Amino acid sequence: MARRSFSLLLVLVLAASALAQAKPPTQQPLPLDPLTPAEVAAARQIVAKDDRVIAIAGENPRVVVVLFIAPKSRENGEASGRWADVVVHNDRENGGARVLVNLTAGSVADVVRLTERNVPIGPGDVEAAAALALESGSVQRILGGPEAARAFRVAHGAMTRETVNESRIEGVSDRGADPDDPCTTHRCVALFFRTRGRYIAINQVTVDLTERRVYVREGAQP
């Protein structure tokens, strides 16, 4: 009985060893491959701990976007290593920074200060703008009342046949040109509302994220 148990254990060990050898090794991303979720998380951590970034955007700066970037080598002009372009916003004092992260070395290669206007709008900003807008009585009236407004959600991804009739909110950066327009210097988001397969209140609602104010232009119709 003992010999049989030992033989069975040996078979199991050999089988496990064979499976481990047959499993292909984890493939590292190539220089031009998109960022992996692990690399995005690493870029965020590297930026959060960098003293130059903290000096501009404060402790735990809010990450707006993390983008893949492939700087070319000076020697042969080809992409080398893994890099990320990270933009952060200083929610307390406004403004922000664009940070070049060398993921291969695990360090920050460069930091550029950004004015409030030049910090791009990210998905989190659209969520924040939508939340502010849906609290506005004027926006609620446009959408058909408070109950109807609560049905709207920020759209994630392209509209499909299955989601065409959902109540969706889309947002884009709204930059002014008039010196008297707050959105000339502030970070603003223009919101678009879609329900039952059609847009309503097109280009009528703008949210000033810098001042946390909602503007509703006259003429909006439900």
Protein backbone atom coordinates (compact mmCIF):
# COMPACT_ATOMS: atom_id res chain seq x y z
CA MET A 1 0.00 0.00 0.00
CA ALA A 2 2.84 2.38 0.86
CA ARG A 3 4.60 1.62 -2.44
CA ARG A 4 1.36 2.27 -4.34
CA SER A 5 0.90 5.66 -2.59
CA PHE A 6 4.50 6.60 -3.33
CA SER A 7 4.06 5.65 -7.00
CA LEU A 8 0.88 7.74 -7.28
CA LEU A 9 2.60 10.73 -5.67
CA LEU A 10 5.52 10.40 -8.08
CA VAL A 11 3.13 10.36 -11.05
CA LEU A 12 1.39 13.53 -9.80
CA VAL A 13 4.72 15.31 -9.30
CA LEU A 14 5.94 14.39 -12.77
CA ALA A 15 2.62 15.46 -14.31
CA ALA A 16 2.74 18.83 -12.56
CA SER A 17 6.34 19.32 -13.70
CA ALA A 18 5.40 18.52 -17.29
CA LEU A 19 2.53 21.04 -17.21
CA ALA A 20 4.79 23.74 -15.80
CA GLN A 21 7.33 23.15 -18.58
CA ALA A 22 4.61 23.10 -21.24
CA LYS A 23 3.13 26.46 -20.09
CA PRO A 24 4.50 29.24 -22.28
CA PRO A 25 6.48 31.93 -20.44
CA THR A 26 4.78 35.26 -19.81
CA GLN A 27 5.49 37.40 -22.85
CA GLN A 28 6.76 40.89 -22.15
CA PRO A 29 5.12 43.70 -24.15
CA LEU A 30 7.08 44.95 -27.13
CA PRO A 31 8.08 48.64 -27.45
CA LEU A 32 5.06 49.48 -29.64
CA ASP A 33 2.46 47.40 -27.78
CA PRO A 34 -0.31 49.28 -25.89
CA LEU A 35 0.14 49.77 -22.18
CA THR A 36 -0.97 46.84 -20.07
CA PRO A 37 -3.19 47.37 -17.00
CA ALA A 38 -0.16 46.58 -14.83
CA GLU A 39 1.91 49.24 -16.62
CA VAL A 40 -0.86 51.83 -16.20
CA ALA A 41 -0.97 51.08 -12.47
CA ALA A 42 2.83 51.28 -12.27
CA ALA A 43 2.87 54.64 -14.08
CA ARG A 44 0.35 56.02 -11.59
CA GLN A 45 2.45 54.88 -8.64
CA ILE A 46 5.69 56.26 -10.08
CA VAL A 47 4.09 59.67 -10.71
CA ALA A 48 2.47 59.84 -7.27
CA LYS A 49 5.84 59.44 -5.53
CA ASP A 50 7.91 61.84 -7.65
CA ASP A 51 8.99 64.99 -5.81
CA ARG A 52 8.85 67.18 -8.91
CA VAL A 53 5.27 66.15 -9.61
CA ILE A 54 4.27 66.68 -5.97
CA ALA A 55 5.80 70.17 -6.04
CA ILE A 56 3.48 71.09 -8.93
CA ALA A 57 0.33 69.06 -8.29
CA GLY A 58 0.47 68.37 -4.55
CA GLU A 59 0.31 65.13 -2.59
CA ASN A 60 -1.53 62.29 -4.34
CA PRO A 61 -2.19 64.27 -7.55
CA ARG A 62 -5.27 63.19 -9.49
CA VAL A 63 -4.37 61.34 -12.67
CA VAL A 64 -6.38 62.61 -15.65
CA VAL A 65 -5.04 60.37 -18.40
CA VAL A 66 -2.32 57.75 -18.90
CA LEU A 67 -1.27 57.37 -22.53
CA PHE A 68 1.16 55.13 -24.35
CA ILE A 69 4.16 56.89 -25.87
CA ALA A 70 7.12 55.52 -27.85
CA PRO A 71 10.07 57.95 -27.89
CA LYS A 72 12.60 57.19 -30.61
CA SER A 73 16.18 56.30 -29.81
CA ARG A 74 18.78 58.87 -30.84
CA GLU A 75 21.05 56.10 -32.11
CA ASN A 76 18.80 54.36 -34.62
CA GLY A 77 15.52 56.28 -34.56
CA GLU A 78 13.56 53.25 -33.34
CA ALA A 79 11.33 52.98 -30.29
CA SER A 80 13.13 51.67 -27.24
CA GLY A 81 11.86 50.65 -23.82
CA ARG A 82 8.39 51.17 -22.38
CA TRP A 83 7.10 54.70 -21.73
CA ALA A 84 3.93 56.42 -20.55
CA ASP A 85 2.68 59.99 -20.87
CA VAL A 86 0.78 60.85 -17.70
CA VAL A 87 -1.21 64.05 -17.08
CA VAL A 88 -2.17 65.01 -13.53
CA HIS A 89 -4.35 67.80 -12.18
CA ASN A 90 -3.93 69.82 -8.99
CA ASP A 91 -7.51 69.80 -7.71
CA ARG A 92 -6.69 72.10 -4.81
CA GLU A 93 -4.74 74.85 -6.57
CA ASN A 94 -5.60 74.15 -10.25
CA GLY A 95 -3.11 73.59 -13.04
CA GLY A 96 -1.21 70.37 -13.39
CA ALA A 97 1.68 68.57 -15.00
CA ARG A 98 2.56 66.37 -17.95
CA VAL A 99 4.88 63.60 -16.84
CA LEU A 100 7.04 61.36 -19.02
CA VAL A 101 7.47 58.03 -17.25
CA ASN A 102 10.17 55.52 -18.12
CA LEU A 103 8.44 52.28 -17.19
CA THR A 104 11.51 50.21 -18.01
CA ALA A 105 13.60 52.13 -15.48
CA GLY A 106 10.70 52.74 -13.09
CA SER A 107 11.36 56.48 -12.93
CA VAL A 108 10.15 59.90 -14.11
CA ALA A 109 12.14 61.18 -17.08
CA ASP A 110 10.59 64.65 -17.41
CA VAL A 111 7.95 66.90 -15.86
CA VAL A 112 6.31 69.91 -17.54
CA ARG A 113 4.01 72.29 -15.68
CA LEU A 114 0.58 72.86 -17.29
CA THR A 115 -1.77 75.79 -16.88
CA GLU A 116 -5.35 75.07 -15.83
CA ARG A 117 -6.56 75.55 -19.41
CA ASN A 118 -4.02 73.13 -20.83
CA VAL A 119 -4.83 70.17 -18.59
CA PRO A 120 -6.89 67.90 -20.88
CA ILE A 121 -10.31 66.53 -20.01
CA GLY A 122 -10.31 62.88 -18.97
CA PRO A 123 -13.06 60.33 -18.31
CA GLY A 124 -13.13 61.22 -14.62
CA ASP A 125 -13.73 64.86 -15.50
CA VAL A 126 -16.76 63.96 -17.62
CA GLU A 127 -18.12 61.95 -14.68
CA ALA A 128 -17.61 64.93 -12.36
CA ALA A 129 -19.23 67.34 -14.81
CA ALA A 130 -22.23 65.04 -15.26
CA ALA A 131 -22.69 64.73 -11.50
CA LEU A 132 -22.72 68.52 -11.11
CA ALA A 133 -25.11 68.97 -14.04
CA LEU A 134 -27.63 66.41 -12.80
CA GLU A 135 -27.88 68.32 -9.50
CA SER A 136 -28.89 71.50 -11.38
CA GLY A 137 -32.61 72.30 -11.39
CA SER A 138 -32.28 73.88 -14.84
CA VAL A 139 -30.73 70.73 -16.28
CA GLN A 140 -33.33 68.54 -14.59
CA ARG A 141 -36.10 70.57 -16.25
CA ILE A 142 -34.44 70.10 -19.64
CA LEU A 143 -34.31 66.35 -19.11
CA GLY A 144 -37.94 66.08 -18.02
CA GLY A 145 -37.70 66.44 -14.26
CA PRO A 146 -35.63 65.03 -11.38
CA GLU A 147 -36.82 61.45 -11.86
CA ALA A 148 -36.01 61.44 -15.57
CA ALA A 149 -32.61 63.03 -14.87
CA ARG A 150 -31.68 60.21 -12.50
CA ALA A 151 -31.92 57.73 -15.38
CA PHE A 152 -29.01 59.36 -17.25
CA ARG A 153 -25.56 57.78 -17.03
CA VAL A 154 -22.22 58.77 -18.53
CA ALA A 155 -21.58 56.75 -21.69
CA HIS A 156 -18.62 54.38 -21.65
CA GLY A 157 -17.67 53.20 -25.10
CA ALA A 158 -19.43 53.54 -28.43
CA MET A 159 -23.19 53.35 -28.70
CA THR A 160 -24.52 49.98 -29.84
CA ARG A 161 -27.85 48.65 -31.03
CA GLU A 162 -28.49 47.40 -27.51
CA THR A 163 -27.80 50.77 -25.88
CA VAL A 164 -29.30 53.12 -28.49
CA ASN A 165 -32.40 53.82 -26.38
CA GLU A 166 -30.58 54.28 -23.08
CA SER A 167 -30.35 57.69 -21.40
CA ARG A 168 -26.70 58.59 -21.97
CA ILE A 169 -24.43 61.54 -21.25
CA GLU A 170 -21.45 62.36 -23.44
CA GLY A 171 -18.88 65.05 -22.75
CA VAL A 172 -16.14 66.92 -24.60
CA SER A 173 -13.74 69.69 -23.72
CA ASP A 174 -15.28 73.14 -24.18
CA ARG A 175 -12.70 75.89 -24.71
CA GLY A 176 -13.69 79.50 -25.06
CA ALA A 177 -12.02 82.18 -27.16
CA ASP A 178 -13.70 85.28 -25.74
CA PRO A 179 -11.70 86.89 -22.87
CA ASP A 180 -15.00 87.30 -21.00
CA ASP A 181 -15.80 83.59 -21.30
CA PRO A 182 -14.70 81.69 -18.15
CA CYS A 183 -13.95 78.65 -20.30
CA THR A 184 -11.14 80.57 -21.99
CA THR A 185 -8.98 79.99 -18.92
CA HIS A 186 -10.91 77.34 -16.98
CA ARG A 187 -11.41 73.62 -17.60
CA CYS A 188 -14.91 73.22 -19.01
CA VAL A 189 -16.93 70.29 -20.30
CA ALA A 190 -19.79 70.51 -22.80
CA LEU A 191 -22.36 67.82 -22.07
CA PHE A 192 -24.68 66.14 -24.56
CA PHE A 193 -27.73 64.17 -23.46
CA ARG A 194 -29.23 61.36 -25.51
CA THR A 195 -32.39 59.37 -24.81
CA ARG A 196 -34.72 57.20 -26.88
CA GLY A 197 -32.30 57.34 -29.79
CA ARG A 198 -32.06 61.12 -30.09
CA TYR A 199 -30.08 64.00 -28.62
CA ILE A 200 -31.79 66.63 -26.50
CA ALA A 201 -30.50 70.04 -25.39
CA ILE A 202 -27.66 69.89 -27.91
CA ASN A 203 -24.80 72.22 -26.96
CA GLN A 204 -26.87 73.74 -24.18
CA VAL A 205 -25.12 72.58 -21.00
CA THR A 206 -21.55 73.49 -20.05
CA VAL A 207 -19.91 72.68 -16.73
CA ASP A 208 -17.02 74.81 -15.44
CA LEU A 209 -14.98 72.29 -13.46
CA THR A 210 -12.59 74.95 -12.17
CA GLU A 211 -15.39 76.93 -10.50
CA ARG A 212 -17.78 73.95 -10.22
CA ARG A 213 -20.56 75.86 -11.94
CA VAL A 214 -23.20 74.71 -14.42
CA TYR A 215 -24.22 76.96 -17.30
CA VAL A 216 -27.45 76.33 -19.23
CA ARG A 217 -27.93 78.36 -22.40
CA GLU A 218 -31.33 79.77 -23.21
CA GLY A 219 -33.44 77.97 -25.76
CA ALA A 220 -32.88 74.45 -24.45
CA GLN A 221 -35.85 72.25 -25.16
CA PRO A 222 -36.75 68.82 -23.74
